[in-house]
Amino acid sequence: MIVAGALTPTLLVITLLALALAVASLRRRLPHDEHSLPNEIDALLPQTQCAQCGYPGCMPYAEAVASGAAINLCPPGGPELVTQLRDLMGQDAPLEQFTTAQPETVVAVIDETKCIGCALCLPPCPVDAIVGANGFMHTVIAQDCTGCELCIPACPVDCISLVSVHEAPAPQAAELAAGSRGCINCAQCIDVCPRGLVPDQLFKLAQGAAWSAAADLGLQSCIECGLCDRVCPSNINLAEIFTQAKRIDAYERQNHDHKVAIKQRYIDHQERALQRSQSAQQRRAQRLQRRRGVRAQLDDGQRQQKPSG
């Protein structure tokens, strides 16, 4: 009975993992809703709106991938995006016959000494990251620039260039301490937690890289006091694991919020471009109507002046 009781948590964990793998496999095999799949793909894309994939933006590319386009056409996404799309679409997702290079983070920079204030670089920017007006020097908002390169060919004096940006490495999950053993579900860590959290569940979620789910259980409320470490009979380094898990969750949330903001800037840019186009068409139609009216008046005047036979 003692042996059976000790094995129960292990068997439970194995069963849960097997069920999770089965659900993930079925999720890839079963057909997705025609509207939800493009949205799921779009959520994975980097939202640079650079059109390097051959489509006018990230959402059009997501719709194309959902319809069978290759999943490795996004240079900013790199190999990591290909892996994520394979996990979503299945291992038989179509690929183009070339190697996807690891992307380099770059932003556009305007040489202020050469800028002539022509404003020709403003319309191509898909996220309105360039500030300026006719006759005035322009500048790039670095935190909003996606490095899409679309502004470079528009500049008549070649004063825009791309520069590499050093990014801090993404935080990594903490490894189990050398002497740690598996969680035995003793719940001693729950009893001592001063914030009323469930460290054993947070630990399991962290081990499964389920950072968002851990955050929903109050991960960011952990004060890393180490009390759970002291009472853990399995000698699991819980405080260290939670510290890194908090950093990873914050990092991923920041990236998500940035992608959402960039996507909204792209949508706003597209709407303004559409409004400008419609306004220009209306003005052309009004000018044409006025010209036709003037021409009609001239024709009427000429007919009135013409002597009758």
Foldseek 3Di string as FASTA:
>chain_A
DVVVLQCVVVVVVVVVVVVVVVVLVVQQVDDDDLVVQLVVLLLLDLFLLLCQLVDRTSSVVSNVQSVQDAQQSHQQSFPVSVVVVCSRNPVPRHHDPDHRDHHFFKFKFFDQVQDQQCCQLQLQRLQRQKDGHRRDGIGGNRLLNRPSCRSQVRDPRRRMDMDTDDDDDQQDADDWDPQFDDASPPQPLQVPQPVNARLNVLVVCLVVVVLVVSVVRPLVVRPLPCPSCVPGPRNTSSSSRSVSSNRNSVVVVVSSVSSVSSNVSSVVSVVVVVVVVVVVVVVVVVVVVVVVVVVVVVVVVVVVPDDDD
